[in-house]
């Protein structure tokens, strides 16, 4: 749900597009995303 809200899914179309464009213009940091919050060692091992 937090990912959907972050990128405008469930909002109106204009707000969603702005969220997507804003995300795409972020400063490049190696251009990768960190692991999702809350995922732990046992989750990764099991998956």
ModelCIF file with pLDDT and N, C-alpha, C, O atoms, coordinates in Angstrom:
data_MODEL
#
_entry.id   MODEL 
#
_entity.id                         1 
_entity.type                       polymer 
_entity.pdbx_number_of_molecules   1 
#
_entity_poly.entity_id                      1 
_entity_poly.type                           'polypeptide(L)' 
_entity_poly.nstd_linkage                   no 
_entity_poly.nstd_monomer                   no 
_entity_poly.pdbx_seq_one_letter_code       
;(UNK)(UNK)(UNK)(UNK)(UNK)(UNK)(UNK)(UNK)(UNK)(UNK)(UNK)(UNK)(UNK)(UNK)(UNK)(UNK)
(UNK)(UNK)(UNK)(UNK)(UNK)(UNK)(UNK)(UNK)(UNK)(UNK)(UNK)(UNK)(UNK)(UNK)(UNK)(UNK)
(UNK)(UNK)(UNK)(UNK)(UNK)(UNK)(UNK)(UNK)(UNK)(UNK)(UNK)(UNK)(UNK)(UNK)(UNK)
;
_entity_poly.pdbx_seq_one_letter_code_can   XXXXXXXXXXXXXXXXXXXXXXXXXXXXXXXXXXXXXXXXXXXXXXX 
_entity_poly.pdbx_strand_id                 A 
#
loop_
_entity_poly_seq.entity_id 
_entity_poly_seq.num 
_entity_poly_seq.mon_id 
_entity_poly_seq.hetero 
1 1  UNK n 
1 2  UNK n 
1 3  UNK n 
1 4  UNK n 
1 5  UNK n 
1 6  UNK n 
1 7  UNK n 
1 8  UNK n 
1 9  UNK n 
1 10 UNK n 
1 11 UNK n 
1 12 UNK n 
1 13 UNK n 
1 14 UNK n 
1 15 UNK n 
1 16 UNK n 
1 17 UNK n 
1 18 UNK n 
1 19 UNK n 
1 20 UNK n 
1 21 UNK n 
1 22 UNK n 
1 23 UNK n 
1 24 UNK n 
1 25 UNK n 
1 26 UNK n 
1 27 UNK n 
1 28 UNK n 
1 29 UNK n 
1 30 UNK n 
1 31 UNK n 
1 32 UNK n 
1 33 UNK n 
1 34 UNK n 
1 35 UNK n 
1 36 UNK n 
1 37 UNK n 
1 38 UNK n 
1 39 UNK n 
1 40 UNK n 
1 41 UNK n 
1 42 UNK n 
1 43 UNK n 
1 44 UNK n 
1 45 UNK n 
1 46 UNK n 
1 47 UNK n 
#
_struct_asym.id          A 
_struct_asym.entity_id   1 
#
loop_
_ma_qa_metric.id 
_ma_qa_metric.mode 
_ma_qa_metric.name 
_ma_qa_metric.software_group_id 
_ma_qa_metric.type 
1 global pLDDT . pLDDT 
2 local  pLDDT . pLDDT 
#
_ma_qa_metric_global.metric_id      1 
_ma_qa_metric_global.metric_value   55.26 
_ma_qa_metric_global.model_id       1 
_ma_qa_metric_global.ordinal_id     1 
#
loop_
_ma_qa_metric_local.label_asym_id 
_ma_qa_metric_local.label_comp_id 
_ma_qa_metric_local.label_seq_id 
_ma_qa_metric_local.metric_id 
_ma_qa_metric_local.metric_value 
_ma_qa_metric_local.model_id 
_ma_qa_metric_local.ordinal_id 
A UNK 1  2 59.00 1 1  
A UNK 2  2 56.00 1 2  
A UNK 3  2 57.00 1 3  
A UNK 4  2 60.00 1 4  
A UNK 5  2 59.00 1 5  
A UNK 6  2 57.00 1 6  
A UNK 7  2 55.00 1 7  
A UNK 8  2 54.00 1 8  
A UNK 9  2 53.00 1 9  
A UNK 10 2 49.00 1 10 
A UNK 11 2 48.00 1 11 
A UNK 12 2 44.00 1 12 
A UNK 13 2 42.00 1 13 
A UNK 14 2 48.00 1 14 
A UNK 15 2 47.00 1 15 
A UNK 16 2 43.00 1 16 
A UNK 17 2 44.00 1 17 
A UNK 18 2 48.00 1 18 
A UNK 19 2 46.00 1 19 
A UNK 20 2 42.00 1 20 
A UNK 21 2 46.00 1 21 
A UNK 22 2 50.00 1 22 
A UNK 23 2 45.00 1 23 
A UNK 24 2 46.00 1 24 
A UNK 25 2 50.00 1 25 
A UNK 26 2 50.00 1 26 
A UNK 27 2 49.00 1 27 
A UNK 28 2 46.00 1 28 
A UNK 29 2 50.00 1 29 
A UNK 30 2 49.00 1 30 
A UNK 31 2 50.00 1 31 
A UNK 32 2 57.00 1 32 
A UNK 33 2 62.00 1 33 
A UNK 34 2 63.00 1 34 
A UNK 35 2 65.00 1 35 
A UNK 36 2 61.00 1 36 
A UNK 37 2 62.00 1 37 
A UNK 38 2 63.00 1 38 
A UNK 39 2 66.00 1 39 
A UNK 40 2 66.00 1 40 
A UNK 41 2 66.00 1 41 
A UNK 42 2 67.00 1 42 
A UNK 43 2 70.00 1 43 
A UNK 44 2 73.00 1 44 
A UNK 45 2 71.00 1 45 
A UNK 46 2 71.00 1 46 
A UNK 47 2 72.00 1 47 
#
loop_
_atom_site.group_PDB 
_atom_site.id 
_atom_site.type_symbol 
_atom_site.label_atom_id 
_atom_site.label_alt_id 
_atom_site.label_comp_id 
_atom_site.label_asym_id 
_atom_site.label_entity_id 
_atom_site.label_seq_id 
_atom_site.pdbx_PDB_ins_code 
_atom_site.Cartn_x 
_atom_site.Cartn_y 
_atom_site.Cartn_z 
_atom_site.occupancy 
_atom_site.B_iso_or_equiv 
_atom_site.pdbx_formal_charge 
_atom_site.auth_seq_id 
_atom_site.auth_comp_id 
_atom_site.auth_asym_id 
_atom_site.auth_atom_id 
_atom_site.pdbx_PDB_model_num 
ATOM 1   N N  . UNK A 1 1  ? 0.826  -1.205  0.000   1.00 59.00 ? 1  UNK A N  1 
ATOM 2   C CA . UNK A 1 1  ? 0.000  0.000   0.000   1.00 59.00 ? 1  UNK A CA 1 
ATOM 3   C C  . UNK A 1 1  ? 0.862  1.258   0.000   1.00 59.00 ? 1  UNK A C  1 
ATOM 4   O O  . UNK A 1 1  ? 0.536  2.241   -0.666  1.00 59.00 ? 1  UNK A O  1 
ATOM 5   N N  . UNK A 1 2  ? 1.962  1.225   0.748   1.00 56.00 ? 2  UNK A N  1 
ATOM 6   C CA . UNK A 1 2  ? 2.833  2.401   0.808   1.00 56.00 ? 2  UNK A CA 1 
ATOM 7   C C  . UNK A 1 2  ? 3.499  2.668   -0.536  1.00 56.00 ? 2  UNK A C  1 
ATOM 8   O O  . UNK A 1 2  ? 3.694  3.822   -0.918  1.00 56.00 ? 2  UNK A O  1 
ATOM 9   N N  . UNK A 1 3  ? 3.852  1.591   -1.261  1.00 57.00 ? 3  UNK A N  1 
ATOM 10  C CA . UNK A 1 3  ? 4.446  1.758   -2.595  1.00 57.00 ? 3  UNK A CA 1 
ATOM 11  C C  . UNK A 1 3  ? 3.417  2.374   -3.543  1.00 57.00 ? 3  UNK A C  1 
ATOM 12  O O  . UNK A 1 3  ? 3.737  3.284   -4.308  1.00 57.00 ? 3  UNK A O  1 
ATOM 13  N N  . UNK A 1 4  ? 2.178  1.871   -3.489  1.00 60.00 ? 4  UNK A N  1 
ATOM 14  C CA . UNK A 1 4  ? 1.126  2.398   -4.357  1.00 60.00 ? 4  UNK A CA 1 
ATOM 15  C C  . UNK A 1 4  ? 0.887  3.878   -4.088  1.00 60.00 ? 4  UNK A C  1 
ATOM 16  O O  . UNK A 1 4  ? 0.755  4.676   -5.016  1.00 60.00 ? 4  UNK A O  1 
ATOM 17  N N  . UNK A 1 5  ? 0.834  4.233   -2.801  1.00 59.00 ? 5  UNK A N  1 
ATOM 18  C CA . UNK A 1 5  ? 0.601  5.634   -2.442  1.00 59.00 ? 5  UNK A CA 1 
ATOM 19  C C  . UNK A 1 5  ? 1.768  6.505   -2.899  1.00 59.00 ? 5  UNK A C  1 
ATOM 20  O O  . UNK A 1 5  ? 1.572  7.632   -3.353  1.00 59.00 ? 5  UNK A O  1 
ATOM 21  N N  . UNK A 1 6  ? 2.979  5.973   -2.776  1.00 57.00 ? 6  UNK A N  1 
ATOM 22  C CA . UNK A 1 6  ? 4.188  6.723   -3.131  1.00 57.00 ? 6  UNK A CA 1 
ATOM 23  C C  . UNK A 1 6  ? 4.192  7.104   -4.602  1.00 57.00 ? 6  UNK A C  1 
ATOM 24  O O  . UNK A 1 6  ? 4.654  8.183   -4.975  1.00 57.00 ? 6  UNK A O  1 
ATOM 25  N N  . UNK A 1 7  ? 3.666  6.195   -5.445  1.00 55.00 ? 7  UNK A N  1 
ATOM 26  C CA . UNK A 1 7  ? 3.693  6.445   -6.869  1.00 55.00 ? 7  UNK A CA 1 
ATOM 27  C C  . UNK A 1 7  ? 2.326  6.770   -7.452  1.00 55.00 ? 7  UNK A C  1 
ATOM 28  O O  . UNK A 1 7  ? 2.104  6.633   -8.655  1.00 55.00 ? 7  UNK A O  1 
ATOM 29  N N  . UNK A 1 8  ? 1.412  7.203   -6.589  1.00 54.00 ? 8  UNK A N  1 
ATOM 30  C CA . UNK A 1 8  ? 0.180  7.772   -7.079  1.00 54.00 ? 8  UNK A CA 1 
ATOM 31  C C  . UNK A 1 8  ? -0.940 6.808   -7.394  1.00 54.00 ? 8  UNK A C  1 
ATOM 32  O O  . UNK A 1 8  ? -2.019 7.246   -7.795  1.00 54.00 ? 8  UNK A O  1 
ATOM 33  N N  . UNK A 1 9  ? -0.731 5.503   -7.229  1.00 53.00 ? 9  UNK A N  1 
ATOM 34  C CA . UNK A 1 9  ? -1.798 4.543   -7.497  1.00 53.00 ? 9  UNK A CA 1 
ATOM 35  C C  . UNK A 1 9  ? -2.866 4.706   -6.420  1.00 53.00 ? 9  UNK A C  1 
ATOM 36  O O  . UNK A 1 9  ? -2.561 4.681   -5.227  1.00 53.00 ? 9  UNK A O  1 
ATOM 37  N N  . UNK A 1 10 ? -4.094 4.869   -6.836  1.00 49.00 ? 10 UNK A N  1 
ATOM 38  C CA . UNK A 1 10 ? -5.172 5.093   -5.870  1.00 49.00 ? 10 UNK A CA 1 
ATOM 39  C C  . UNK A 1 10 ? -5.464 6.572   -5.698  1.00 49.00 ? 10 UNK A C  1 
ATOM 40  O O  . UNK A 1 10 ? -6.454 6.939   -5.065  1.00 49.00 ? 10 UNK A O  1 
ATOM 41  N N  . UNK A 1 11 ? -4.583 7.457   -6.274  1.00 48.00 ? 11 UNK A N  1 
ATOM 42  C CA . UNK A 1 11 ? -4.851 8.884   -6.267  1.00 48.00 ? 11 UNK A CA 1 
ATOM 43  C C  . UNK A 1 11 ? -5.440 9.261   -7.622  1.00 48.00 ? 11 UNK A C  1 
ATOM 44  O O  . UNK A 1 11 ? -5.672 8.392   -8.463  1.00 48.00 ? 11 UNK A O  1 
ATOM 45  N N  . UNK A 1 12 ? -5.683 10.566  -7.838  1.00 44.00 ? 12 UNK A N  1 
ATOM 46  C CA . UNK A 1 12 ? -6.141 10.951  -9.165  1.00 44.00 ? 12 UNK A CA 1 
ATOM 47  C C  . UNK A 1 12 ? -4.971 10.871  -10.146 1.00 44.00 ? 12 UNK A C  1 
ATOM 48  O O  . UNK A 1 12 ? -3.809 10.854  -9.738  1.00 44.00 ? 12 UNK A O  1 
ATOM 49  N N  . UNK A 1 13 ? -5.279 10.824  -11.406 1.00 42.00 ? 13 UNK A N  1 
ATOM 50  C CA . UNK A 1 13 ? -4.273 10.559  -12.428 1.00 42.00 ? 13 UNK A CA 1 
ATOM 51  C C  . UNK A 1 13 ? -3.179 11.608  -12.427 1.00 42.00 ? 13 UNK A C  1 
ATOM 52  O O  . UNK A 1 13 ? -2.003 11.273  -12.571 1.00 42.00 ? 13 UNK A O  1 
ATOM 53  N N  . UNK A 1 14 ? -3.548 12.880  -12.268 1.00 48.00 ? 14 UNK A N  1 
ATOM 54  C CA . UNK A 1 14 ? -2.561 13.962  -12.312 1.00 48.00 ? 14 UNK A CA 1 
ATOM 55  C C  . UNK A 1 14 ? -1.584 13.856  -11.146 1.00 48.00 ? 14 UNK A C  1 
ATOM 56  O O  . UNK A 1 14 ? -0.377 14.030  -11.316 1.00 48.00 ? 14 UNK A O  1 
ATOM 57  N N  . UNK A 1 15 ? -2.126 13.564  -9.945  1.00 47.00 ? 15 UNK A N  1 
ATOM 58  C CA . UNK A 1 15 ? -1.254 13.429  -8.775  1.00 47.00 ? 15 UNK A CA 1 
ATOM 59  C C  . UNK A 1 15 ? -0.317 12.242  -8.937  1.00 47.00 ? 15 UNK A C  1 
ATOM 60  O O  . UNK A 1 15 ? 0.854  12.296  -8.562  1.00 47.00 ? 15 UNK A O  1 
ATOM 61  N N  . UNK A 1 16 ? -0.855 11.174  -9.501  1.00 43.00 ? 16 UNK A N  1 
ATOM 62  C CA . UNK A 1 16 ? -0.033 9.994   -9.712  1.00 43.00 ? 16 UNK A CA 1 
ATOM 63  C C  . UNK A 1 16 ? 1.106  10.266  -10.674 1.00 43.00 ? 16 UNK A C  1 
ATOM 64  O O  . UNK A 1 16 ? 2.237  9.837   -10.444 1.00 43.00 ? 16 UNK A O  1 
ATOM 65  N N  . UNK A 1 17 ? 0.808  10.982  -11.759 1.00 44.00 ? 17 UNK A N  1 
ATOM 66  C CA . UNK A 1 17 ? 1.852  11.270  -12.744 1.00 44.00 ? 17 UNK A CA 1 
ATOM 67  C C  . UNK A 1 17 ? 2.925  12.170  -12.143 1.00 44.00 ? 17 UNK A C  1 
ATOM 68  O O  . UNK A 1 17 ? 4.111  11.997  -12.423 1.00 44.00 ? 17 UNK A O  1 
ATOM 69  N N  . UNK A 1 18 ? 2.515  13.130  -11.317 1.00 48.00 ? 18 UNK A N  1 
ATOM 70  C CA . UNK A 1 18 ? 3.495  14.008  -10.674 1.00 48.00 ? 18 UNK A CA 1 
ATOM 71  C C  . UNK A 1 18 ? 4.410  13.220  -9.744  1.00 48.00 ? 18 UNK A C  1 
ATOM 72  O O  . UNK A 1 18 ? 5.613  13.473  -9.676  1.00 48.00 ? 18 UNK A O  1 
ATOM 73  N N  . UNK A 1 19 ? 3.817  12.251  -9.022  1.00 46.00 ? 19 UNK A N  1 
ATOM 74  C CA . UNK A 1 19 ? 4.632  11.430  -8.120  1.00 46.00 ? 19 UNK A CA 1 
ATOM 75  C C  . UNK A 1 19 ? 5.656  10.623  -8.902  1.00 46.00 ? 19 UNK A C  1 
ATOM 76  O O  . UNK A 1 19 ? 6.807  10.492  -8.486  1.00 46.00 ? 19 UNK A O  1 
ATOM 77  N N  . UNK A 1 20 ? 5.225  10.077  -10.051 1.00 42.00 ? 20 UNK A N  1 
ATOM 78  C CA . UNK A 1 20 ? 6.130  9.282   -10.881 1.00 42.00 ? 20 UNK A CA 1 
ATOM 79  C C  . UNK A 1 20 ? 7.247  10.157  -11.436 1.00 42.00 ? 20 UNK A C  1 
ATOM 80  O O  . UNK A 1 20 ? 8.414  9.767   -11.416 1.00 42.00 ? 20 UNK A O  1 
ATOM 81  N N  . UNK A 1 21 ? 6.884  11.361  -11.940 1.00 46.00 ? 21 UNK A N  1 
ATOM 82  C CA . UNK A 1 21 ? 7.892  12.245  -12.509 1.00 46.00 ? 21 UNK A CA 1 
ATOM 83  C C  . UNK A 1 21 ? 8.878  12.713  -11.446 1.00 46.00 ? 21 UNK A C  1 
ATOM 84  O O  . UNK A 1 21 ? 10.079 12.817  -11.697 1.00 46.00 ? 21 UNK A O  1 
ATOM 85  N N  . UNK A 1 22 ? 8.355  12.994  -10.253 1.00 50.00 ? 22 UNK A N  1 
ATOM 86  C CA . UNK A 1 22 ? 9.222  13.410  -9.152  1.00 50.00 ? 22 UNK A CA 1 
ATOM 87  C C  . UNK A 1 22 ? 10.208 12.311  -8.785  1.00 50.00 ? 22 UNK A C  1 
ATOM 88  O O  . UNK A 1 22 ? 11.386 12.579  -8.549  1.00 50.00 ? 22 UNK A O  1 
ATOM 89  N N  . UNK A 1 23 ? 9.725  11.076  -8.736  1.00 45.00 ? 23 UNK A N  1 
ATOM 90  C CA . UNK A 1 23 ? 10.595 9.945   -8.402  1.00 45.00 ? 23 UNK A CA 1 
ATOM 91  C C  . UNK A 1 23 ? 11.688 9.780   -9.460  1.00 45.00 ? 23 UNK A C  1 
ATOM 92  O O  . UNK A 1 23 ? 12.841 9.488   -9.141  1.00 45.00 ? 23 UNK A O  1 
ATOM 93  N N  . UNK A 1 24 ? 11.310 9.968   -10.705 1.00 46.00 ? 24 UNK A N  1 
ATOM 94  C CA . UNK A 1 24 ? 12.272 9.764   -11.798 1.00 46.00 ? 24 UNK A CA 1 
ATOM 95  C C  . UNK A 1 24 ? 13.361 10.840  -11.803 1.00 46.00 ? 24 UNK A C  1 
ATOM 96  O O  . UNK A 1 24 ? 14.454 10.609  -12.320 1.00 46.00 ? 24 UNK A O  1 
ATOM 97  N N  . UNK A 1 25 ? 13.067 12.029  -11.227 1.00 50.00 ? 25 UNK A N  1 
ATOM 98  C CA . UNK A 1 25 ? 14.037 13.121  -11.231 1.00 50.00 ? 25 UNK A CA 1 
ATOM 99  C C  . UNK A 1 25 ? 14.903 13.166  -9.993  1.00 50.00 ? 25 UNK A C  1 
ATOM 100 O O  . UNK A 1 25 ? 15.692 14.096  -9.824  1.00 50.00 ? 25 UNK A O  1 
ATOM 101 N N  . UNK A 1 26 ? 14.770 12.180  -9.124  1.00 50.00 ? 26 UNK A N  1 
ATOM 102 C CA . UNK A 1 26 ? 15.585 12.178  -7.910  1.00 50.00 ? 26 UNK A CA 1 
ATOM 103 C C  . UNK A 1 26 ? 17.062 12.152  -8.255  1.00 50.00 ? 26 UNK A C  1 
ATOM 104 O O  . UNK A 1 26 ? 17.435 11.656  -9.318  1.00 50.00 ? 26 UNK A O  1 
ATOM 105 N N  . UNK A 1 27 ? 17.921 12.682  -7.370  1.00 49.00 ? 27 UNK A N  1 
ATOM 106 C CA . UNK A 1 27 ? 19.366 12.594  -7.614  1.00 49.00 ? 27 UNK A CA 1 
ATOM 107 C C  . UNK A 1 27 ? 19.791 11.135  -7.735  1.00 49.00 ? 27 UNK A C  1 
ATOM 108 O O  . UNK A 1 27 ? 19.324 10.279  -6.984  1.00 49.00 ? 27 UNK A O  1 
ATOM 109 N N  . UNK A 1 28 ? 20.683 10.859  -8.689  1.00 46.00 ? 28 UNK A N  1 
ATOM 110 C CA . UNK A 1 28 ? 21.157 9.498   -8.904  1.00 46.00 ? 28 UNK A CA 1 
ATOM 111 C C  . UNK A 1 28 ? 22.077 9.095   -7.763  1.00 46.00 ? 28 UNK A C  1 
ATOM 112 O O  . UNK A 1 28 ? 22.986 9.842   -7.400  1.00 46.00 ? 28 UNK A O  1 
ATOM 113 N N  . UNK A 1 29 ? 21.847 7.924   -7.201  1.00 50.00 ? 29 UNK A N  1 
ATOM 114 C CA . UNK A 1 29 ? 22.687 7.413   -6.114  1.00 50.00 ? 29 UNK A CA 1 
ATOM 115 C C  . UNK A 1 29 ? 23.041 5.979   -6.479  1.00 50.00 ? 29 UNK A C  1 
ATOM 116 O O  . UNK A 1 29 ? 22.604 5.025   -5.836  1.00 50.00 ? 29 UNK A O  1 
ATOM 117 N N  . UNK A 1 30 ? 23.859 5.855   -7.548  1.00 49.00 ? 30 UNK A N  1 
ATOM 118 C CA . UNK A 1 30 ? 24.109 4.504   -8.004  1.00 49.00 ? 30 UNK A CA 1 
ATOM 119 C C  . UNK A 1 30 ? 22.906 3.948   -8.747  1.00 49.00 ? 30 UNK A C  1 
ATOM 120 O O  . UNK A 1 30 ? 22.946 2.815   -9.228  1.00 49.00 ? 30 UNK A O  1 
ATOM 121 N N  . UNK A 1 31 ? 21.834 4.729   -8.847  1.00 50.00 ? 31 UNK A N  1 
ATOM 122 C CA . UNK A 1 31 ? 20.585 4.383   -9.535  1.00 50.00 ? 31 UNK A CA 1 
ATOM 123 C C  . UNK A 1 31 ? 20.035 3.024   -9.128  1.00 50.00 ? 31 UNK A C  1 
ATOM 124 O O  . UNK A 1 31 ? 19.673 2.222   -9.990  1.00 50.00 ? 31 UNK A O  1 
ATOM 125 N N  . UNK A 1 32 ? 19.968 2.754   -7.839  1.00 57.00 ? 32 UNK A N  1 
ATOM 126 C CA . UNK A 1 32 ? 19.282 1.550   -7.361  1.00 57.00 ? 32 UNK A CA 1 
ATOM 127 C C  . UNK A 1 32 ? 18.509 1.886   -6.103  1.00 57.00 ? 32 UNK A C  1 
ATOM 128 O O  . UNK A 1 32 ? 18.805 2.855   -5.403  1.00 57.00 ? 32 UNK A O  1 
ATOM 129 N N  . UNK A 1 33 ? 17.505 1.057   -5.833  1.00 62.00 ? 33 UNK A N  1 
ATOM 130 C CA . UNK A 1 33 ? 16.664 1.247   -4.658  1.00 62.00 ? 33 UNK A CA 1 
ATOM 131 C C  . UNK A 1 33 ? 17.162 0.371   -3.510  1.00 62.00 ? 33 UNK A C  1 
ATOM 132 O O  . UNK A 1 33 ? 17.647 -0.735  -3.751  1.00 62.00 ? 33 UNK A O  1 
ATOM 133 N N  . UNK A 1 34 ? 17.051 0.841   -2.270  1.00 63.00 ? 34 UNK A N  1 
ATOM 134 C CA . UNK A 1 34 ? 17.391 -0.023  -1.136  1.00 63.00 ? 34 UNK A CA 1 
ATOM 135 C C  . UNK A 1 34 ? 16.323 -1.080  -0.947  1.00 63.00 ? 34 UNK A C  1 
ATOM 136 O O  . UNK A 1 34 ? 15.231 -0.946  -1.500  1.00 63.00 ? 34 UNK A O  1 
ATOM 137 N N  . UNK A 1 35 ? 16.602 -2.137  -0.178  1.00 65.00 ? 35 UNK A N  1 
ATOM 138 C CA . UNK A 1 35 ? 15.567 -3.147  0.105   1.00 65.00 ? 35 UNK A CA 1 
ATOM 139 C C  . UNK A 1 35 ? 14.375 -2.499  0.791   1.00 65.00 ? 35 UNK A C  1 
ATOM 140 O O  . UNK A 1 35 ? 14.525 -1.463  1.439   1.00 65.00 ? 35 UNK A O  1 
ATOM 141 N N  . UNK A 1 36 ? 13.213 -3.082  0.663   1.00 61.00 ? 36 UNK A N  1 
ATOM 142 C CA . UNK A 1 36 ? 12.017 -2.508  1.298   1.00 61.00 ? 36 UNK A CA 1 
ATOM 143 C C  . UNK A 1 36 ? 12.140 -2.496  2.805   1.00 61.00 ? 36 UNK A C  1 
ATOM 144 O O  . UNK A 1 36 ? 12.765 -3.391  3.374   1.00 61.00 ? 36 UNK A O  1 
ATOM 145 N N  . UNK A 1 37 ? 11.564 -1.514  3.467   1.00 62.00 ? 37 UNK A N  1 
ATOM 146 C CA . UNK A 1 37 ? 11.631 -1.456  4.931   1.00 62.00 ? 37 UNK A CA 1 
ATOM 147 C C  . UNK A 1 37 ? 10.907 -2.634  5.563   1.00 62.00 ? 37 UNK A C  1 
ATOM 148 O O  . UNK A 1 37 ? 9.859  -3.067  5.085   1.00 62.00 ? 37 UNK A O  1 
ATOM 149 N N  . UNK A 1 38 ? 11.483 -3.145  6.642   1.00 63.00 ? 38 UNK A N  1 
ATOM 150 C CA . UNK A 1 38 ? 10.831 -4.238  7.368   1.00 63.00 ? 38 UNK A CA 1 
ATOM 151 C C  . UNK A 1 38 ? 11.273 -5.614  6.958   1.00 63.00 ? 38 UNK A C  1 
ATOM 152 O O  . UNK A 1 38 ? 10.936 -6.584  7.637   1.00 63.00 ? 38 UNK A O  1 
ATOM 153 N N  . UNK A 1 39 ? 12.017 -5.746  5.870   1.00 66.00 ? 39 UNK A N  1 
ATOM 154 C CA . UNK A 1 39 ? 12.467 -7.066  5.453   1.00 66.00 ? 39 UNK A CA 1 
ATOM 155 C C  . UNK A 1 39 ? 13.767 -7.396  6.189   1.00 66.00 ? 39 UNK A C  1 
ATOM 156 O O  . UNK A 1 39 ? 14.723 -6.621  6.158   1.00 66.00 ? 39 UNK A O  1 
ATOM 157 N N  . UNK A 1 40 ? 13.790 -8.550  6.845   1.00 66.00 ? 40 UNK A N  1 
ATOM 158 C CA . UNK A 1 40 ? 14.920 -8.922  7.684   1.00 66.00 ? 40 UNK A CA 1 
ATOM 159 C C  . UNK A 1 40 ? 15.732 -10.066 7.122   1.00 66.00 ? 40 UNK A C  1 
ATOM 160 O O  . UNK A 1 40 ? 15.457 -10.580 6.038   1.00 66.00 ? 40 UNK A O  1 
ATOM 161 N N  . UNK A 1 41 ? 16.750 -10.457 7.895   1.00 66.00 ? 41 UNK A N  1 
ATOM 162 C CA . UNK A 1 41 ? 17.641 -11.539 7.487   1.00 66.00 ? 41 UNK A CA 1 
ATOM 163 C C  . UNK A 1 41 ? 16.879 -12.836 7.236   1.00 66.00 ? 41 UNK A C  1 
ATOM 164 O O  . UNK A 1 41 ? 17.108 -13.508 6.231   1.00 66.00 ? 41 UNK A O  1 
ATOM 165 N N  . UNK A 1 42 ? 15.977 -13.188 8.146   1.00 67.00 ? 42 UNK A N  1 
ATOM 166 C CA . UNK A 1 42 ? 15.249 -14.454 7.984   1.00 67.00 ? 42 UNK A CA 1 
ATOM 167 C C  . UNK A 1 42 ? 14.330 -14.421 6.772   1.00 67.00 ? 42 UNK A C  1 
ATOM 168 O O  . UNK A 1 42 ? 14.131 -15.443 6.115   1.00 67.00 ? 42 UNK A O  1 
ATOM 169 N N  . UNK A 1 43 ? 13.761 -13.235 6.468   1.00 70.00 ? 43 UNK A N  1 
ATOM 170 C CA . UNK A 1 43 ? 12.908 -13.115 5.278   1.00 70.00 ? 43 UNK A CA 1 
ATOM 171 C C  . UNK A 1 43 ? 13.710 -13.392 4.009   1.00 70.00 ? 43 UNK A C  1 
ATOM 172 O O  . UNK A 1 43 ? 13.288 -14.154 3.139   1.00 70.00 ? 43 UNK A O  1 
ATOM 173 N N  . UNK A 1 44 ? 14.882 -12.751 3.926   1.00 73.00 ? 44 UNK A N  1 
ATOM 174 C CA . UNK A 1 44 ? 15.721 -12.917 2.739   1.00 73.00 ? 44 UNK A CA 1 
ATOM 175 C C  . UNK A 1 44 ? 16.179 -14.369 2.610   1.00 73.00 ? 44 UNK A C  1 
ATOM 176 O O  . UNK A 1 44 ? 16.129 -14.948 1.525   1.00 73.00 ? 44 UNK A O  1 
ATOM 177 N N  . UNK A 1 45 ? 16.628 -14.953 3.726   1.00 71.00 ? 45 UNK A N  1 
ATOM 178 C CA . UNK A 1 45 ? 17.103 -16.344 3.701   1.00 71.00 ? 45 UNK A CA 1 
ATOM 179 C C  . UNK A 1 45 ? 15.997 -17.293 3.250   1.00 71.00 ? 45 UNK A C  1 
ATOM 180 O O  . UNK A 1 45 ? 16.220 -18.168 2.413   1.00 71.00 ? 45 UNK A O  1 
ATOM 181 N N  . UNK A 1 46 ? 14.802 -17.111 3.813   1.00 71.00 ? 46 UNK A N  1 
ATOM 182 C CA . UNK A 1 46 ? 13.691 -18.003 3.486   1.00 71.00 ? 46 UNK A CA 1 
ATOM 183 C C  . UNK A 1 46 ? 13.256 -17.839 2.034   1.00 71.00 ? 46 UNK A C  1 
ATOM 184 O O  . UNK A 1 46 ? 12.992 -18.828 1.351   1.00 71.00 ? 46 UNK A O  1 
ATOM 185 N N  . UNK A 1 47 ? 13.178 -16.596 1.557   1.00 72.00 ? 47 UNK A N  1 
ATOM 186 C CA . UNK A 1 47 ? 12.764 -16.351 0.179   1.00 72.00 ? 47 UNK A CA 1 
ATOM 187 C C  . UNK A 1 47 ? 13.789 -16.896 -0.812  1.00 72.00 ? 47 UNK A C  1 
ATOM 188 O O  . UNK A 1 47 ? 13.602 -16.777 -2.022  1.00 72.00 ? 47 UNK A O  1 
#
